[in-house]
Protein backbone atom coordinates (compact mmCIF):
# COMPACT_ATOMS: atom_id res chain seq x y z
CA MET A 1 99.86 12.04 29.00
CA ASN A 2 99.43 11.03 32.71
CA ASN A 3 101.03 13.48 35.16
CA LYS A 4 100.89 11.35 38.25
CA PHE A 5 103.62 9.00 36.81
CA PRO A 6 106.33 11.37 37.60
CA TYR A 7 104.98 12.34 41.08
CA LYS A 8 105.26 8.59 42.03
CA TYR A 9 108.91 8.56 41.21
CA SER A 10 109.84 11.76 42.87
CA VAL A 11 108.15 10.67 46.11
CA LEU A 12 109.93 7.28 45.90
CA LEU A 13 113.27 9.23 45.41
CA LEU A 14 112.76 11.59 48.38
CA LEU A 15 111.91 8.43 50.44
CA ALA A 16 114.96 6.81 49.58
CA PHE A 17 117.22 9.97 50.06
CA LEU A 18 115.76 10.02 53.42
CA ALA A 19 116.37 6.56 54.31
CA VAL A 20 120.26 6.68 53.11
CA GLY A 21 120.43 9.78 55.12
CA GLY A 22 119.24 8.16 58.24
CA LEU A 23 121.54 5.19 57.57
CA ILE A 24 124.33 7.39 57.41
CA ILE A 25 123.60 9.26 60.82
CA TYR A 26 122.86 5.85 62.43
CA ALA A 27 126.18 4.37 60.98
CA VAL A 28 128.33 7.58 61.95
CA GLY A 29 126.53 8.32 65.18
CA PRO A 30 124.19 11.26 65.91
CA SER A 31 126.70 12.83 68.50
CA HIS A 32 129.21 13.09 65.75
CA PHE A 33 126.94 15.81 64.14
CA LEU A 34 126.29 17.57 67.46
CA VAL A 35 129.81 18.21 68.45
CA PRO A 36 131.31 21.63 67.54
CA ALA A 37 134.61 22.13 65.72
CA GLY A 38 137.64 23.26 67.70
CA LEU A 39 137.52 23.70 71.52
CA TYR A 40 134.43 23.03 73.49
CA SER A 41 133.24 21.88 77.02
CA LYS A 42 130.02 19.86 77.60
CA GLU A 43 129.11 22.40 79.96
CA ASN A 44 129.31 26.18 79.03
CA GLY A 45 128.64 27.31 82.42
CA PHE A 46 128.25 26.37 86.07
CA ASP A 47 126.11 27.60 88.91
CA PHE A 48 127.91 27.23 92.26
CA GLY A 49 124.67 28.21 94.02
CA ARG A 50 124.92 29.48 97.49
CA ILE A 51 128.60 29.09 98.67
CA PRO A 52 129.19 28.58 102.51
CA VAL A 53 131.06 31.55 103.79
CA ASN A 54 134.37 30.40 105.48
CA GLY A 55 135.92 33.45 107.38
CA ARG A 56 135.22 36.50 105.20
CA VAL A 57 134.94 34.91 102.05
CA ALA A 58 132.81 32.23 100.17
CA GLN A 59 135.14 29.95 98.08
CA ALA A 60 134.28 26.96 96.09
CA GLU A 61 135.83 24.87 93.05
CA HIS A 62 134.66 23.36 90.00
CA ARG A 63 136.39 21.31 87.30
CA PHE A 64 135.47 21.65 83.48
CA GLU A 65 136.83 19.00 80.71
CA ILE A 66 137.86 20.99 77.81
CA PHE A 67 137.95 18.86 74.58
CA ASN A 68 139.81 19.46 71.30
CA ASN A 69 137.94 18.32 68.52
CA THR A 70 140.32 19.18 65.72
CA GLY A 71 142.79 17.18 63.78
CA HIS A 72 145.80 19.12 65.40
CA GLU A 73 146.80 20.06 68.76
CA VAL A 74 145.56 23.41 70.09
CA ILE A 75 148.02 25.72 72.08
CA ILE A 76 146.31 27.84 74.64
CA GLU A 77 147.86 31.21 74.71
CA ASP A 78 146.02 32.83 77.64
CA ILE A 79 143.35 32.16 80.01
CA LYS A 80 141.51 35.35 80.77
CA VAL A 81 138.88 36.09 83.44
CA SER A 82 136.39 38.91 84.01
CA CYS A 83 137.62 39.35 87.62
CA SER A 84 141.12 38.41 88.54
CA SER A 85 140.61 38.71 92.31
CA CYS A 86 137.35 36.53 92.13
CA ILE A 87 138.07 33.75 89.70
CA GLY A 88 141.16 31.41 89.39
CA ALA A 89 141.46 29.35 86.37
CA LYS A 90 144.15 26.84 85.64
CA LEU A 91 144.52 24.48 82.78
CA SER A 92 146.21 21.06 83.30
CA ASN A 93 148.20 21.37 80.15
CA MET A 94 148.27 24.67 77.83
CA VAL A 95 148.67 22.14 74.92
CA ILE A 96 145.80 19.99 73.93
CA GLY A 97 146.44 17.33 71.60
CA ALA A 98 144.12 16.39 68.63
CA LYS A 99 141.14 14.71 69.64
CA GLU A 100 142.15 14.84 73.41
CA SER A 101 140.87 16.66 76.39
CA GLN A 102 142.40 18.64 79.49
CA TRP A 103 141.06 19.72 82.90
CA LEU A 104 140.21 23.40 83.66
CA ASP A 105 140.14 23.95 87.40
CA VAL A 106 138.17 26.93 88.29
CA SER A 107 138.02 28.51 91.81
CA ILE A 108 135.36 31.22 92.58
CA THR A 109 136.15 33.44 95.71
CA ILE A 110 133.10 35.94 96.88
CA PRO A 111 133.46 38.55 99.76
CA GLN A 112 131.21 37.74 102.44
CA THR A 113 129.67 41.15 101.69
CA GLN A 114 128.52 40.18 98.16
CA PHE A 115 125.23 38.28 98.68
CA LYS A 116 123.73 39.09 95.20
CA LYS A 117 124.56 36.38 92.68
CA GLN A 118 127.71 37.10 90.93
CA ALA A 119 128.41 36.02 87.32
CA PHE A 120 132.21 35.87 85.87
CA GLU A 121 133.44 34.85 82.56
CA ILE A 122 136.31 32.79 81.47
CA TYR A 123 137.76 32.67 78.20
CA LEU A 124 140.48 30.28 76.82
CA VAL A 125 142.42 32.07 74.08
CA PRO A 126 144.10 29.59 71.59
CA ARG A 127 146.79 30.71 69.48
CA GLU A 128 144.77 30.19 66.45
CA GLY A 129 140.74 30.04 66.46
CA GLU A 130 137.98 31.34 68.50
CA PRO A 131 138.02 31.54 72.26
CA LEU A 132 136.20 29.22 74.35
CA ARG A 133 133.72 31.11 76.73
CA MET A 134 132.36 29.71 79.93
CA THR A 135 130.39 31.46 82.71
CA VAL A 136 130.32 30.56 86.43
CA TRP A 137 128.27 32.38 88.98
CA GLY A 138 127.32 31.91 92.53
CA ARG A 139 126.59 34.03 95.77
CA ALA A 140 127.99 34.07 99.31
CA ALA A 141 125.58 32.12 101.66
CA PHE A 142 124.09 33.87 104.70
CA SER A 143 124.49 30.71 106.70
CA GLN A 144 127.63 28.66 107.27
CA PHE A 145 125.39 25.62 107.00
CA ALA A 146 123.99 26.40 103.48
CA SER A 147 124.43 23.63 101.17
CA ILE A 148 127.00 24.13 98.12
CA THR A 149 124.13 22.88 95.83
CA GLU A 150 121.50 25.18 96.84
CA VAL A 151 120.28 28.16 94.66
């Protein structure tokens, strides 16, 4: 009895299985397997860097695109922020259709006296499912000539 005979077929079967799996991923697209279910954003955070001071505060804005990767519309019940006087967040529409996206406009306001880097949390709370959490951070620049992209 030759024990190598079953081994050959098991290796061929394994190679065939891997080839079929590769073809499926190629046909569907690898990004399909990397996208989370539910609400998501391609950026989970944003660094404003050094924000130029205008008057007594440093202010800047950023726009996140929020995607709904479900087969049904998602209703956002609330937008919660870790500092209501420091962060403003407004969604273009509180209902995000199936496989659609909406814009979340975020503004950050940091008092001139806060030169340390500040981090703030933003939570989109849907009626059903898990909240989407994003982080923004930045600090007031010492000079009015500081670039908004500096760190």
